[in-house]
Amino acid sequence: MIRDARVLQPQFIPEEVEHRNPEVNRLSDTLKPIMAGRPGETSLLLGPSGAGKTCIAKYTLERLRENVLDINTQYVNCWQDYTRFQVLYRLLDAVDRTVDVHRRSTPKDELLDRLREYDGPQFVVILDEVDQLEDKSVLYDLYRMPSITTVLIANREQELFSQLDDRLTSRLQTCVRIAFDKYPLEELVSILGARARWGLAEDAIDEQELALIADAAAGDARVAISILRNAARRADQDGRDRITTDVVREAVPEGRDEVRQKTVEQLTPHQRALYDILQDEGELSPGELYDRYAERVDDPKTRRTVRNYLSKMDHYRLVVAEGKNRARTYRPR
């Protein structure tokens, strides 16, 4: 049944994207000056998880690489590489300048100096989950480098800008904003149909089952593709030649759990501490949660930073935030 398992992986970038032409065109316009050897505009891709932001950024960059002979690129997931050192290291690694860098002893300023000395072709950097950066001054550093163009990806503009100082805010206010909405059911069915055509045997799944998956995913393409992958795996293991309704229903919780677990695995140590506390103790007020957190970790973050962490985790459906101000509580989902 499975002809090409790569197509069903979350990191797969299709040769053609579905239902995101306006967003692709807008991002392409910001990068167009690079074709003439000039830096592009800073862009900010905003929207909920599973709306295609990362896919479109990578897809558009691949199309640019097809048209520009000399160009360097790097993708950084700031949920995994969230320190200033990690980001600078990843960028230097893309241009082969990390040979003698020691992760424990090389000062951050030395990495920044090396990047400032970069005199190669235009360099496009995608910073995904950019609000996860612990030290956002690196954005200011990159903004000032004439050969580097940044594509920033975040869920909500308000949460990102609330974490920036005035200097950074004034710089990023002028960036091009590209908004992504959740996929409507019919668009998600179309996306799943394309994945099924590329990755599965002919007639392996009908539109009725695709609609069932899309409905369960509630507009989140990551969840939808995960459910489809689990349904295909389950049907293949059972020796079936089709993905039936009962197989899809069994795959729905597996697909959701898979996405959830991958998100949990990405949490920073401080976010994981908050998540574990709620898993252990259940519903807590912000004050109770912060006190437990401060007891558990070395060098706890500020209350404001913890609120941002919890907001992010709420967005990714790892915790539930209920009530407002003093009546607010957090509990595990």
Foldseek 3Di string as FASTA:
>chain_A
DWDDLLLLDPVDADLDDFPCVVVLVVVLQQCVCLLVQFHGFAEEEAAAAQLCPVSSVVNSVVVVCVRHPWEFEFEAECLQVQELQSVLLRQCVSVPNCPPPDSVPDDSVVSLVVVLPDDGTAYEYEYEQNLSHPDNCVVVSQLPRGRYHYYYYHHDPVLSVVPDDPVVCVSCVPGHYDYTYQDDLVRLLVSVVVSCVVTHDPQQEDSVLSSVLSVLCVRRNQLSSLLVSQLVVVCVVVVHSHRDNVSSVVSNVVSLVVLVVVVLVSHDPLLVLLLVVQVVPFKDFLVVSVVSSPVPDPPDDDSVVVVSSVVVCVSVQQWPWDDDDRPIMIHGD
